Every structure is written in structure tokens, then in C-alpha cells.
Amino acid sequence: MYLQKPWKRLVVLFAGPAQNFILGFVLIYVLAVSWGLPILNPDPTPAKVAEVTCVPSSTTVSTKAPPQAAPCKGTGPAAAQGLRAGDTIVEVNGQSISDYGQVADRIGKTSEPVAVTVDRAGQILNFTVVPQATTIITKTSEGTKSEQAHKIGVGFTPPPNVTHYNAASAIPGTFVFTGDLFKQTWDALLSMPSKVSGLWTAVTGGERALDTPVSAYGASVIGGKAVQNDAWYVFVLLLISINFFLGVFNLVPLLPLDGGHMAIVGYEKGRNTVRRWFGRTAAGPVDYMKLMPLTYAVVIVLGAFMVLTLTADIVNPIPVF
């Protein structure tokens, strides 16, 4: 093959990643038409209070059903202090709030009184609210876990996290989503070295972060659980993510990946072009044997990373369901 023209060699080398990208693109279109596409980069949603409620003694969260709160009566801490539906929470304890999810983050772990600043039709009002304890019961296929949190009894209307399409509108939507996914995949690839410490923490008994990489075994387990729970939407998204990651990963310009071979083709073409400018004949192909130490180093590093992710997936898998 090394005797073929550079463009022919590049076509052959790019065939593998191209297959991943084409399959991923088709699956994105199928997902868009069937279920809709997730919003990868949602805009911050102001913390506008939709309702003020009592605080239940417990809330059960499951992947198979919406959250179920225990019955409760009376007014909650927020309502008792004068907060109303329609208020927009702009600060908690002096820290600005740009998204409704930040309210739970700022209040959930404290039982101390919190200073809540709201915007009520343009008027800035300040309240002091004492959070009330509640139990969050999380049910997954791995078992049931309970933890204590604190709430003030305000509810928000979450924004839609999926965009729905018809067969025609799904075409441009697929292209836009593909571009966003390429960027996120590339960012995830660049962040892989920083995930080693998180994987090691998971292997040694610490908590497994949801954004840590998974091995082929871990991905197959997640896919199998998605099918068991009739979460075909998650299953298709997983296939899309795997295809795009494999495609982008194989284009990294390191041997023995396809990108490494493509880089050598580019080097040979550029080198011979320069030689031709000076009236010299084309040089021979690159001696791969001289690159073997670098190739072995890449294989060892990638192999160690794969063993680490596999171990983490076995001893401390990501609890998706």
C-alpha cells in the first residue's frame, strides 16, 4: 500500500473513521425523528418560582418513574417567609443565581438560615429562610441509597431538554447536533488525561464520577441495562457517542492509530514536494521501524488506560440505572 499515491492511501486510512461518522450521523437522524435530540448546550434558566409548597419528609427518585414525594401538608419554609410563585430568585447568601439548578446546590447541604434575594416584578426583596430536612431515596439497579438534603419548598418548571423534529426538520437538526457532538467529543478526548485521578479514586474505593471514561465492557453494561429498562433512547445515544468517539480517537496523529499513518502520508507528501522544488528526486517511504519505540510507548499508555477503565467499570461501575 505504501507504493500507492498519497490520496489513495488517505482514502483507505480514512475509511474506518468515516464509517463511524456516517453510522453516527444516520443514528442521529433516526433519534431526531423517533424521540428528538437532547439539547447539548442549554441556556441558563432563571430561577423563577413556579410554586411554593410544603417540604415532604422524603422523595423517591427512580430511573423508571418520575420522582415521588411523600404526602405533606401546610406551608413550607419559603411560603412561611413570604416567597410567592412568580418570584425570581437572584441571590442565595449573597451569591448570584443564574440558573434554577443552583438554588438546590446552594441550599441542599445546609440547615442554617439562608438569605434569599428575589426579584418580584422589578422589586428586589430579601428573605431569611430556614431550610427543612428531607430524605432523598434513590433507587437503581444496584440497590437503594438514602441521603439527607434540605429544601425551602419552592418548585421550578424545568426547561425542555429535548428538541423534537419531523422528517424534514430533522435534516438540518441532525447537522447542527452533529457539529455540537463533534466539539463535545473532541473536548472529552482532550480531557482524558485529567480523568486518570478520578478513575484511580473509583478503583481504590472512592466515589465514581459520572464524567469518567468507560471501557468497552462498561459501555456494553450500560447499553444492556438501557435495553432492560426499555430506555432505547439512551441506548441509541450510547451507540452514537461510541461511534463518534471511535472516529475522532482514530484520527489522533499517533501510531498505531489511523491518524498516525495519515500524518506520515502527509509528511511524505510535503517532504517530496519540497524536494521537487529543489530539483531533487522523491525520497523513499518513511522507515516505520524507526518509529517503533514511539509506537510501543503509545500502545503501553493506551493499554494502561484501558486496564484502568476496565477495572473501574468492574469494581465501581457508573450507576446509570
C-alpha atoms as a PDB file:
ATOM      1  CA  MET A   1       0.000   0.000   0.000  1.00  0.00           C
ATOM      2  CA  TYR A   2       2.889   2.399   0.703  1.00  0.00           C
ATOM      3  CA  LEU A   3       3.617   2.496  -3.052  1.00  0.00           C
ATOM      4  CA  GLN A   4       0.166   3.932  -3.846  1.00  0.00           C
ATOM      5  CA  LYS A   5      -0.460   7.632  -4.403  1.00  0.00           C
ATOM      6  CA  PRO A   6      -0.914   9.646  -1.201  1.00  0.00           C
ATOM      7  CA  TRP A   7      -4.584  10.457  -1.836  1.00  0.00           C
ATOM      8  CA  LYS A   8      -5.390   6.763  -2.308  1.00  0.00           C
ATOM      9  CA  ARG A   9      -3.633   5.897   0.936  1.00  0.00           C
ATOM     10  CA  LEU A  10      -5.533   8.648   2.751  1.00  0.00           C
ATOM     11  CA  VAL A  11      -8.860   7.398   1.395  1.00  0.00           C
ATOM     12  CA  VAL A  12      -8.152   3.896   2.692  1.00  0.00           C
ATOM     13  CA  LEU A  13      -6.963   5.176   6.067  1.00  0.00           C
ATOM     14  CA  PHE A  14      -9.964   7.475   6.488  1.00  0.00           C
ATOM     15  CA  ALA A  15     -12.443   4.715   5.584  1.00  0.00           C
ATOM     16  CA  GLY A  16     -12.651   3.406   9.152  1.00  0.00           C
ATOM     17  CA  PRO A  17     -13.350   6.722  10.902  1.00  0.00           C
ATOM     18  CA  ALA A  18     -15.655   7.735   8.042  1.00  0.00           C
ATOM     19  CA  GLN A  19     -17.735   4.615   8.630  1.00  0.00           C
ATOM     20  CA  ASN A  20     -18.086   5.566  12.303  1.00  0.00           C
ATOM     21  CA  PHE A  21     -19.134   9.114  11.405  1.00  0.00           C
ATOM     22  CA  ILE A  22     -21.653   8.000   8.767  1.00  0.00           C
ATOM     23  CA  LEU A  23     -23.235   5.438  11.088  1.00  0.00           C
ATOM     24  CA  GLY A  24     -23.372   8.015  13.884  1.00  0.00           C
ATOM     25  CA  PHE A  25     -24.964  10.584  11.563  1.00  0.00           C
ATOM     26  CA  VAL A  26     -27.659   8.109  10.456  1.00  0.00           C
ATOM     27  CA  LEU A  27     -28.402   7.187  14.074  1.00  0.00           C
ATOM     28  CA  ILE A  28     -28.710  10.876  14.980  1.00  0.00           C
ATOM     29  CA  TYR A  29     -31.316  11.336  12.258  1.00  0.00           C
ATOM     30  CA  VAL A  30     -33.218   8.251  13.461  1.00  0.00           C
ATOM     31  CA  LEU A  31     -33.092   9.580  17.019  1.00  0.00           C
ATOM     32  CA  ALA A  32     -34.288  13.026  15.908  1.00  0.00           C
ATOM     33  CA  VAL A  33     -37.313  11.622  14.079  1.00  0.00           C
ATOM     34  CA  SER A  34     -38.182   8.978  16.675  1.00  0.00           C
ATOM     35  CA  TRP A  35     -37.592  10.654  20.041  1.00  0.00           C
ATOM     36  CA  GLY A  36     -35.965  14.033  19.485  1.00  0.00           C
ATOM     37  CA  LEU A  37     -32.436  15.252  20.137  1.00  0.00           C
ATOM     38  CA  PRO A  38     -31.095  16.290  23.541  1.00  0.00           C
ATOM     39  CA  ILE A  39     -30.083  19.917  23.976  1.00  0.00           C
ATOM     40  CA  LEU A  40     -26.322  19.662  24.472  1.00  0.00           C
ATOM     41  CA  ASN A  41     -25.702  23.316  25.334  1.00  0.00           C
ATOM     42  CA  PRO A  42     -28.802  24.600  27.139  1.00  0.00           C
ATOM     43  CA  ASP A  43     -29.014  28.263  28.053  1.00  0.00           C
ATOM     44  CA  PRO A  44     -29.204  29.110  31.774  1.00  0.00           C
ATOM     45  CA  THR A  45     -32.798  29.117  33.030  1.00  0.00           C
ATOM     46  CA  PRO A  46     -33.674  31.855  35.551  1.00  0.00           C
ATOM     47  CA  ALA A  47     -34.813  30.538  38.925  1.00  0.00           C
ATOM     48  CA  LYS A  48     -38.412  31.701  38.546  1.00  0.00           C
ATOM     49  CA  VAL A  49     -40.564  30.111  41.232  1.00  0.00           C
ATOM     50  CA  ALA A  50     -43.446  28.139  39.752  1.00  0.00           C
ATOM     51  CA  GLU A  51     -44.953  27.144  43.101  1.00  0.00           C
ATOM     52  CA  VAL A  52     -44.327  27.316  46.829  1.00  0.00           C
ATOM     53  CA  THR A  53     -45.039  24.069  48.638  1.00  0.00           C
ATOM     54  CA  CYS A  54     -44.536  22.177  51.847  1.00  0.00           C
ATOM     55  CA  VAL A  55     -41.388  20.061  52.174  1.00  0.00           C
ATOM     56  CA  PRO A  56     -42.075  16.300  52.056  1.00  0.00           C
ATOM     57  CA  SER A  57     -40.373  14.031  54.550  1.00  0.00           C
ATOM     58  CA  SER A  58     -38.901  12.033  51.673  1.00  0.00           C
ATOM     59  CA  THR A  59     -38.723  11.880  47.883  1.00  0.00           C
ATOM     60  CA  THR A  60     -38.111   8.689  45.922  1.00  0.00           C
ATOM     61  CA  VAL A  61     -36.116   9.022  42.713  1.00  0.00           C
ATOM     62  CA  SER A  62     -36.043   6.195  40.167  1.00  0.00           C
ATOM     63  CA  THR A  63     -34.987   5.812  36.551  1.00  0.00           C
ATOM     64  CA  LYS A  64     -38.245   4.008  35.807  1.00  0.00           C
ATOM     65  CA  ALA A  65     -40.693   6.637  37.090  1.00  0.00           C
ATOM     66  CA  PRO A  66     -40.954  10.353  37.884  1.00  0.00           C
ATOM     67  CA  PRO A  67     -39.881  11.424  41.397  1.00  0.00           C
ATOM     68  CA  GLN A  68     -42.460  10.504  44.037  1.00  0.00           C
ATOM     69  CA  ALA A  69     -42.732  12.813  47.049  1.00  0.00           C
ATOM     70  CA  ALA A  70     -44.292  11.696  50.327  1.00  0.00           C
ATOM     71  CA  PRO A  71     -47.563  13.484  51.203  1.00  0.00           C
ATOM     72  CA  CYS A  72     -47.164  16.682  53.204  1.00  0.00           C
ATOM     73  CA  LYS A  73     -49.436  19.438  54.500  1.00  0.00           C
ATOM     74  CA  GLY A  74     -49.163  23.093  55.403  1.00  0.00           C
ATOM     75  CA  THR A  75     -46.814  25.751  54.156  1.00  0.00           C
ATOM     76  CA  GLY A  76     -43.141  25.285  53.535  1.00  0.00           C
ATOM     77  CA  PRO A  77     -40.317  27.489  54.838  1.00  0.00           C
ATOM     78  CA  ALA A  78     -40.329  29.705  51.730  1.00  0.00           C
ATOM     79  CA  ALA A  79     -44.070  30.326  51.781  1.00  0.00           C
ATOM     80  CA  ALA A  80     -43.994  30.992  55.513  1.00  0.00           C
ATOM     81  CA  GLN A  81     -41.480  33.803  54.963  1.00  0.00           C
ATOM     82  CA  GLY A  82     -43.431  35.387  52.112  1.00  0.00           C
ATOM     83  CA  LEU A  83     -41.985  33.995  48.883  1.00  0.00           C
ATOM     84  CA  ARG A  84     -44.559  33.649  46.106  1.00  0.00           C
ATOM     85  CA  ALA A  85     -44.988  31.923  42.791  1.00  0.00           C
ATOM     86  CA  GLY A  86     -43.632  34.240  40.114  1.00  0.00           C
ATOM     87  CA  ASP A  87     -40.688  35.451  42.186  1.00  0.00           C
ATOM     88  CA  THR A  88     -37.278  35.043  40.558  1.00  0.00           C
ATOM     89  CA  ILE A  89     -34.507  34.056  42.956  1.00  0.00           C
ATOM     90  CA  VAL A  90     -31.442  36.116  42.063  1.00  0.00           C
ATOM     91  CA  GLU A  91     -29.182  35.507  45.071  1.00  0.00           C
ATOM     92  CA  VAL A  92     -28.686  32.947  47.838  1.00  0.00           C
ATOM     93  CA  ASN A  93     -26.438  34.005  50.712  1.00  0.00           C
ATOM     94  CA  GLY A  94     -25.070  36.812  48.561  1.00  0.00           C
ATOM     95  CA  GLN A  95     -24.114  34.506  45.680  1.00  0.00           C
ATOM     96  CA  SER A  96     -25.798  35.287  42.378  1.00  0.00           C
ATOM     97  CA  ILE A  97     -28.126  32.710  40.822  1.00  0.00           C
ATOM     98  CA  SER A  98     -28.148  32.430  37.035  1.00  0.00           C
ATOM     99  CA  ASP A  99     -29.815  29.013  36.732  1.00  0.00           C
ATOM    100  CA  TYR A 100     -32.565  27.367  38.759  1.00  0.00           C
ATOM    101  CA  GLY A 101     -30.395  24.323  39.447  1.00  0.00           C
ATOM    102  CA  GLN A 102     -28.026  26.460  41.503  1.00  0.00           C
ATOM    103  CA  VAL A 103     -30.705  27.033  44.144  1.00  0.00           C
ATOM    104  CA  ALA A 104     -30.713  23.389  45.230  1.00  0.00           C
ATOM    105  CA  ASP A 105     -26.902  23.309  45.141  1.00  0.00           C
ATOM    106  CA  ARG A 106     -26.633  26.313  47.470  1.00  0.00           C
ATOM    107  CA  ILE A 107     -29.366  25.225  49.886  1.00  0.00           C
ATOM    108  CA  GLY A 108     -29.310  21.423  49.786  1.00  0.00           C
ATOM    109  CA  LYS A 109     -26.402  20.857  52.159  1.00  0.00           C
ATOM    110  CA  THR A 110     -27.131  23.407  54.877  1.00  0.00           C
ATOM    111  CA  SER A 111     -29.617  23.518  57.720  1.00  0.00           C
ATOM    112  CA  GLU A 112     -28.612  27.059  58.675  1.00  0.00           C
ATOM    113  CA  PRO A 113     -30.814  30.057  57.780  1.00  0.00           C
ATOM    114  CA  VAL A 114     -30.159  31.276  54.250  1.00  0.00           C
ATOM    115  CA  ALA A 115     -30.580  34.760  52.832  1.00  0.00           C
ATOM    116  CA  VAL A 116     -32.719  34.618  49.698  1.00  0.00           C
ATOM    117  CA  THR A 117     -32.984  37.635  47.398  1.00  0.00           C
ATOM    118  CA  VAL A 118     -35.792  37.674  44.840  1.00  0.00           C
ATOM    119  CA  ASP A 119     -36.924  39.884  42.005  1.00  0.00           C
ATOM    120  CA  ARG A 120     -40.688  40.424  42.254  1.00  0.00           C
ATOM    121  CA  ALA A 121     -41.906  42.344  39.216  1.00  0.00           C
ATOM    122  CA  GLY A 122     -38.816  44.541  39.274  1.00  0.00           C
ATOM    123  CA  GLN A 123     -38.753  44.979  43.053  1.00  0.00           C
ATOM    124  CA  ILE A 124     -35.811  43.424  44.928  1.00  0.00           C
ATOM    125  CA  LEU A 125     -36.865  41.735  48.182  1.00  0.00           C
ATOM    126  CA  ASN A 126     -34.797  39.935  50.816  1.00  0.00           C
ATOM    127  CA  PHE A 127     -35.931  36.973  52.925  1.00  0.00           C
ATOM    128  CA  THR A 128     -34.321  34.766  55.534  1.00  0.00           C
ATOM    129  CA  VAL A 129     -35.453  31.172  55.216  1.00  0.00           C
ATOM    130  CA  VAL A 130     -34.567  28.131  57.328  1.00  0.00           C
ATOM    131  CA  PRO A 131     -34.250  25.008  55.135  1.00  0.00           C
ATOM    132  CA  GLN A 132     -36.140  21.910  56.204  1.00  0.00           C
ATOM    133  CA  ALA A 133     -34.546  18.453  56.187  1.00  0.00           C
ATOM    134  CA  THR A 134     -35.816  15.779  53.817  1.00  0.00           C
ATOM    135  CA  THR A 135     -34.634  12.342  52.705  1.00  0.00           C
ATOM    136  CA  ILE A 136     -33.810  11.600  49.073  1.00  0.00           C
ATOM    137  CA  ILE A 137     -34.251   7.890  48.287  1.00  0.00           C
ATOM    138  CA  THR A 138     -32.535   6.861  45.055  1.00  0.00           C
ATOM    139  CA  LYS A 139     -33.457   3.503  43.518  1.00  0.00           C
ATOM    140  CA  THR A 140     -31.204   1.989  40.850  1.00  0.00           C
ATOM    141  CA  SER A 141     -30.490  -1.486  39.558  1.00  0.00           C
ATOM    142  CA  GLU A 142     -27.576  -1.564  42.021  1.00  0.00           C
ATOM    143  CA  GLY A 143     -29.879  -1.065  45.016  1.00  0.00           C
ATOM    144  CA  THR A 144     -31.400   1.722  47.120  1.00  0.00           C
ATOM    145  CA  LYS A 145     -29.491   4.647  48.589  1.00  0.00           C
ATOM    146  CA  SER A 146     -30.754   7.286  51.027  1.00  0.00           C
ATOM    147  CA  GLU A 147     -29.220  10.665  51.762  1.00  0.00           C
ATOM    148  CA  GLN A 148     -30.350  13.751  53.613  1.00  0.00           C
ATOM    149  CA  ALA A 149     -30.898  17.070  51.879  1.00  0.00           C
ATOM    150  CA  HIS A 150     -32.505  20.388  52.759  1.00  0.00           C
ATOM    151  CA  LYS A 151     -35.216  22.292  50.921  1.00  0.00           C
ATOM    152  CA  ILE A 152     -37.162  25.507  51.368  1.00  0.00           C
ATOM    153  CA  GLY A 153     -40.285  24.436  49.476  1.00  0.00           C
ATOM    154  CA  VAL A 154     -40.019  26.112  46.084  1.00  0.00           C
ATOM    155  CA  GLY A 155     -40.668  24.454  42.744  1.00  0.00           C
ATOM    156  CA  PHE A 156     -39.428  25.412  39.308  1.00  0.00           C
ATOM    157  CA  THR A 157     -40.587  24.495  35.829  1.00  0.00           C
ATOM    158  CA  PRO A 158     -37.575  22.872  34.153  1.00  0.00           C
ATOM    159  CA  PRO A 159     -36.961  23.847  30.530  1.00  0.00           C
ATOM    160  CA  PRO A 160     -37.370  21.207  27.808  1.00  0.00           C
ATOM    161  CA  ASN A 161     -34.214  19.141  27.424  1.00  0.00           C
ATOM    162  CA  VAL A 162     -35.191  17.576  24.093  1.00  0.00           C
ATOM    163  CA  THR A 163     -35.928  19.194  20.730  1.00  0.00           C
ATOM    164  CA  HIS A 164     -38.490  17.336  18.612  1.00  0.00           C
ATOM    165  CA  TYR A 165     -38.387  17.164  14.811  1.00  0.00           C
ATOM    166  CA  ASN A 166     -40.318  15.816  11.863  1.00  0.00           C
ATOM    167  CA  ALA A 167     -38.696  14.001   8.941  1.00  0.00           C
ATOM    168  CA  ALA A 168     -37.881  17.264   7.129  1.00  0.00           C
ATOM    169  CA  SER A 169     -36.758  19.470  10.019  1.00  0.00           C
ATOM    170  CA  ALA A 170     -34.634  16.610  11.366  1.00  0.00           C
ATOM    171  CA  ILE A 171     -32.168  17.024   8.473  1.00  0.00           C
ATOM    172  CA  PRO A 172     -30.764  20.450   9.481  1.00  0.00           C
ATOM    173  CA  GLY A 173     -31.222  19.498  13.131  1.00  0.00           C
ATOM    174  CA  THR A 174     -29.037  16.446  12.573  1.00  0.00           C
ATOM    175  CA  PHE A 175     -26.268  18.547  11.028  1.00  0.00           C
ATOM    176  CA  VAL A 176     -26.339  21.041  13.911  1.00  0.00           C
ATOM    177  CA  PHE A 177     -26.355  18.285  16.534  1.00  0.00           C
ATOM    178  CA  THR A 178     -23.512  16.503  14.735  1.00  0.00           C
ATOM    179  CA  GLY A 179     -21.385  19.653  14.874  1.00  0.00           C
ATOM    180  CA  ASP A 180     -22.078  20.120  18.586  1.00  0.00           C
ATOM    181  CA  LEU A 181     -21.320  16.455  19.242  1.00  0.00           C
ATOM    182  CA  PHE A 182     -18.019  16.687  17.358  1.00  0.00           C
ATOM    183  CA  LYS A 183     -16.972  19.559  19.606  1.00  0.00           C
ATOM    184  CA  GLN A 184     -18.004  17.789  22.796  1.00  0.00           C
ATOM    185  CA  THR A 185     -16.280  14.576  21.680  1.00  0.00           C
ATOM    186  CA  TRP A 186     -13.070  16.462  20.947  1.00  0.00           C
ATOM    187  CA  ASP A 187     -13.240  18.236  24.316  1.00  0.00           C
ATOM    188  CA  ALA A 188     -13.809  14.881  26.040  1.00  0.00           C
ATOM    189  CA  LEU A 189     -10.806  13.415  24.225  1.00  0.00           C
ATOM    190  CA  LEU A 190      -8.573  16.289  25.322  1.00  0.00           C
ATOM    191  CA  SER A 191      -9.753  15.919  28.925  1.00  0.00           C
ATOM    192  CA  MET A 192      -9.000  12.175  29.129  1.00  0.00           C
ATOM    193  CA  PRO A 193      -5.601  12.599  30.843  1.00  0.00           C
ATOM    194  CA  SER A 194      -7.251  14.642  33.594  1.00  0.00           C
ATOM    195  CA  LYS A 195      -9.687  11.787  34.282  1.00  0.00           C
ATOM    196  CA  VAL A 196      -6.982   9.354  35.392  1.00  0.00           C
ATOM    197  CA  SER A 197      -7.110  10.569  39.000  1.00  0.00           C
ATOM    198  CA  GLY A 198     -10.902  10.172  39.060  1.00  0.00           C
ATOM    199  CA  LEU A 199     -10.636   6.624  37.729  1.00  0.00           C
ATOM    200  CA  TRP A 200      -7.981   5.774  40.292  1.00  0.00           C
ATOM    201  CA  THR A 201     -10.196   7.161  43.051  1.00  0.00           C
ATOM    202  CA  ALA A 202     -13.041   4.942  41.823  1.00  0.00           C
ATOM    203  CA  VAL A 203     -10.789   1.871  41.741  1.00  0.00           C
ATOM    204  CA  THR A 204      -9.476   2.483  45.256  1.00  0.00           C
ATOM    205  CA  GLY A 205     -12.928   2.773  46.821  1.00  0.00           C
ATOM    206  CA  GLY A 206     -13.883   6.387  46.250  1.00  0.00           C
ATOM    207  CA  GLU A 207     -16.983   7.701  44.528  1.00  0.00           C
ATOM    208  CA  ARG A 208     -17.172   7.143  40.758  1.00  0.00           C
ATOM    209  CA  ALA A 209     -17.713  10.429  38.943  1.00  0.00           C
ATOM    210  CA  LEU A 210     -20.326  10.351  36.196  1.00  0.00           C
ATOM    211  CA  ASP A 211     -17.992  12.038  33.704  1.00  0.00           C
ATOM    212  CA  THR A 212     -15.191   9.476  33.959  1.00  0.00           C
ATOM    213  CA  PRO A 213     -14.445   7.389  30.838  1.00  0.00           C
ATOM    214  CA  VAL A 214     -15.779   3.857  30.475  1.00  0.00           C
ATOM    215  CA  SER A 215     -14.285   0.805  28.801  1.00  0.00           C
ATOM    216  CA  ALA A 216     -15.913  -1.311  26.099  1.00  0.00           C
ATOM    217  CA  TYR A 217     -17.124  -3.570  28.905  1.00  0.00           C
ATOM    218  CA  GLY A 218     -18.608  -0.634  30.812  1.00  0.00           C
ATOM    219  CA  ALA A 219     -20.333   0.685  27.699  1.00  0.00           C
ATOM    220  CA  SER A 220     -21.829  -2.743  26.991  1.00  0.00           C
ATOM    221  CA  VAL A 221     -23.128  -2.977  30.569  1.00  0.00           C
ATOM    222  CA  ILE A 222     -24.737   0.466  30.308  1.00  0.00           C
ATOM    223  CA  GLY A 223     -26.257  -0.474  26.951  1.00  0.00           C
ATOM    224  CA  GLY A 224     -27.592  -3.745  28.335  1.00  0.00           C
ATOM    225  CA  LYS A 225     -29.193  -2.001  31.310  1.00  0.00           C
ATOM    226  CA  ALA A 226     -30.719   0.574  28.981  1.00  0.00           C
ATOM    227  CA  VAL A 227     -32.390  -2.215  27.000  1.00  0.00           C
ATOM    228  CA  GLN A 228     -33.550  -3.948  30.199  1.00  0.00           C
ATOM    229  CA  ASN A 229     -35.187  -0.708  31.327  1.00  0.00           C
ATOM    230  CA  ASP A 230     -36.727  -0.042  27.878  1.00  0.00           C
ATOM    231  CA  ALA A 231     -34.569   3.088  27.649  1.00  0.00           C
ATOM    232  CA  TRP A 232     -33.968   2.748  23.921  1.00  0.00           C
ATOM    233  CA  TYR A 233     -33.367   6.486  23.696  1.00  0.00           C
ATOM    234  CA  VAL A 234     -30.331   6.095  25.959  1.00  0.00           C
ATOM    235  CA  PHE A 235     -29.195   3.013  24.028  1.00  0.00           C
ATOM    236  CA  VAL A 236     -29.202   4.840  20.690  1.00  0.00           C
ATOM    237  CA  LEU A 237     -27.443   7.851  22.233  1.00  0.00           C
ATOM    238  CA  LEU A 238     -24.789   5.487  23.570  1.00  0.00           C
ATOM    239  CA  LEU A 239     -24.239   3.998  20.101  1.00  0.00           C
ATOM    240  CA  ILE A 240     -23.936   7.496  18.645  1.00  0.00           C
ATOM    241  CA  SER A 241     -21.409   8.555  21.274  1.00  0.00           C
ATOM    242  CA  ILE A 242     -19.319   5.410  20.785  1.00  0.00           C
ATOM    243  CA  ASN A 243     -19.183   5.839  17.006  1.00  0.00           C
ATOM    244  CA  PHE A 244     -18.170   9.486  17.175  1.00  0.00           C
ATOM    245  CA  PHE A 245     -15.575   8.848  19.858  1.00  0.00           C
ATOM    246  CA  LEU A 246     -14.020   5.970  17.919  1.00  0.00           C
ATOM    247  CA  GLY A 247     -13.958   8.070  14.761  1.00  0.00           C
ATOM    248  CA  VAL A 248     -12.327  11.078  16.417  1.00  0.00           C
ATOM    249  CA  PHE A 249      -9.957   8.947  18.504  1.00  0.00           C
ATOM    250  CA  ASN A 250      -8.682   7.086  15.435  1.00  0.00           C
ATOM    251  CA  LEU A 251      -7.780  10.414  13.812  1.00  0.00           C
ATOM    252  CA  VAL A 252      -5.329  11.329  16.586  1.00  0.00           C
ATOM    253  CA  PRO A 253      -1.944  11.643  14.799  1.00  0.00           C
ATOM    254  CA  LEU A 254      -0.172   8.932  16.780  1.00  0.00           C
ATOM    255  CA  LEU A 255       0.845   5.454  15.685  1.00  0.00           C
ATOM    256  CA  PRO A 256      -0.634   2.851  15.591  1.00  0.00           C
ATOM    257  CA  LEU A 257      -3.873   4.833  15.089  1.00  0.00           C
ATOM    258  CA  ASP A 258      -5.143   5.702  11.618  1.00  0.00           C
ATOM    259  CA  GLY A 259      -4.337   9.335  12.313  1.00  0.00           C
ATOM    260  CA  GLY A 260      -0.683   8.414  12.829  1.00  0.00           C
ATOM    261  CA  HIS A 261      -0.500   6.706   9.444  1.00  0.00           C
ATOM    262  CA  MET A 262      -2.265   9.677   7.853  1.00  0.00           C
ATOM    263  CA  ALA A 263       0.269  12.035   9.427  1.00  0.00           C
ATOM    264  CA  ILE A 264       3.090  10.009   7.878  1.00  0.00           C
ATOM    265  CA  VAL A 265       1.419  10.181   4.459  1.00  0.00           C
ATOM    266  CA  GLY A 266       1.151  13.948   4.861  1.00  0.00           C
ATOM    267  CA  TYR A 267       4.790  14.167   5.911  1.00  0.00           C
ATOM    268  CA  GLU A 268       5.952  12.125   2.914  1.00  0.00           C
ATOM    269  CA  LYS A 269       3.889  14.231   0.527  1.00  0.00           C
ATOM    270  CA  GLY A 270       5.161  17.510   1.978  1.00  0.00           C
ATOM    271  CA  ARG A 271       8.761  16.307   2.070  1.00  0.00           C
ATOM    272  CA  ASN A 272       8.709  15.132  -1.549  1.00  0.00           C
ATOM    273  CA  THR A 273       7.044  18.356  -2.677  1.00  0.00           C
ATOM    274  CA  VAL A 274       9.852  20.400  -1.120  1.00  0.00           C
ATOM    275  CA  ARG A 275      12.471  18.117  -2.673  1.00  0.00           C
ATOM    276  CA  ARG A 276      10.860  18.574  -6.077  1.00  0.00           C
ATOM    277  CA  TRP A 277      11.074  22.365  -5.688  1.00  0.00           C
ATOM    278  CA  PHE A 278      14.839  21.995  -5.449  1.00  0.00           C
ATOM    279  CA  GLY A 279      15.046  19.595  -8.375  1.00  0.00           C
ATOM    280  CA  ARG A 280      15.663  16.524  -6.275  1.00  0.00           C
ATOM    281  CA  THR A 281      14.002  13.142  -6.669  1.00  0.00           C
ATOM    282  CA  ALA A 282      11.378  11.897  -4.241  1.00  0.00           C
ATOM    283  CA  ALA A 283      12.707  10.135  -1.163  1.00  0.00           C
ATOM    284  CA  GLY A 284      11.644   6.667  -0.165  1.00  0.00           C
ATOM    285  CA  PRO A 285       8.839   5.848   2.252  1.00  0.00           C
ATOM    286  CA  VAL A 286       9.250   6.522   5.964  1.00  0.00           C
ATOM    287  CA  ASP A 287      11.006   3.746   7.853  1.00  0.00           C
ATOM    288  CA  TYR A 288       8.380   2.556  10.326  1.00  0.00           C
ATOM    289  CA  MET A 289      10.992   0.611  12.274  1.00  0.00           C
ATOM    290  CA  LYS A 290      12.498   3.901  13.470  1.00  0.00           C
ATOM    291  CA  LEU A 291       9.085   4.864  14.826  1.00  0.00           C
ATOM    292  CA  MET A 292       8.553   1.624  16.738  1.00  0.00           C
ATOM    293  CA  PRO A 293       9.767   2.992  20.122  1.00  0.00           C
ATOM    294  CA  LEU A 294       7.175   5.773  19.923  1.00  0.00           C
ATOM    295  CA  THR A 295       4.535   3.295  18.766  1.00  0.00           C
ATOM    296  CA  TYR A 296       5.283   0.961  21.679  1.00  0.00           C
ATOM    297  CA  ALA A 297       5.086   3.877  24.106  1.00  0.00           C
ATOM    298  CA  VAL A 298       1.650   4.860  22.780  1.00  0.00           C
ATOM    299  CA  VAL A 299       0.452   1.243  22.979  1.00  0.00           C
ATOM    300  CA  ILE A 300       1.652   0.919  26.578  1.00  0.00           C
ATOM    301  CA  VAL A 301      -0.017   4.173  27.667  1.00  0.00           C
ATOM    302  CA  LEU A 302      -3.299   3.323  25.929  1.00  0.00           C
ATOM    303  CA  GLY A 303      -3.179  -0.223  27.281  1.00  0.00           C
ATOM    304  CA  ALA A 304      -2.678   1.005  30.840  1.00  0.00           C
ATOM    305  CA  PHE A 305      -5.558   3.456  30.451  1.00  0.00           C
ATOM    306  CA  MET A 306      -7.822   0.682  29.120  1.00  0.00           C
ATOM    307  CA  VAL A 307      -6.930  -1.585  32.049  1.00  0.00           C
ATOM    308  CA  LEU A 308      -7.689   1.247  34.480  1.00  0.00           C
ATOM    309  CA  THR A 309     -11.100   1.975  32.932  1.00  0.00           C
ATOM    310  CA  LEU A 310     -11.945  -1.734  32.791  1.00  0.00           C
ATOM    311  CA  THR A 311     -11.034  -2.177  36.451  1.00  0.00           C
ATOM    312  CA  ALA A 312     -13.130   0.836  37.428  1.00  0.00           C
ATOM    313  CA  ASP A 313     -16.100  -0.499  35.442  1.00  0.00           C
ATOM    314  CA  ILE A 314     -15.861  -3.852  37.222  1.00  0.00           C
ATOM    315  CA  VAL A 315     -15.298  -2.745  40.822  1.00  0.00           C
ATOM    316  CA  ASN A 316     -17.142   0.592  40.772  1.00  0.00           C
ATOM    317  CA  PRO A 317     -19.421   0.969  37.725  1.00  0.00           C
ATOM    318  CA  ILE A 318     -21.221   4.190  36.873  1.00  0.00           C
ATOM    319  CA  PRO A 319     -24.783   3.928  38.330  1.00  0.00           C
ATOM    320  CA  VAL A 320     -26.805   4.978  35.297  1.00  0.00           C
ATOM    321  CA  PHE A 321     -29.924   2.920  36.134  1.00  0.00           C
END
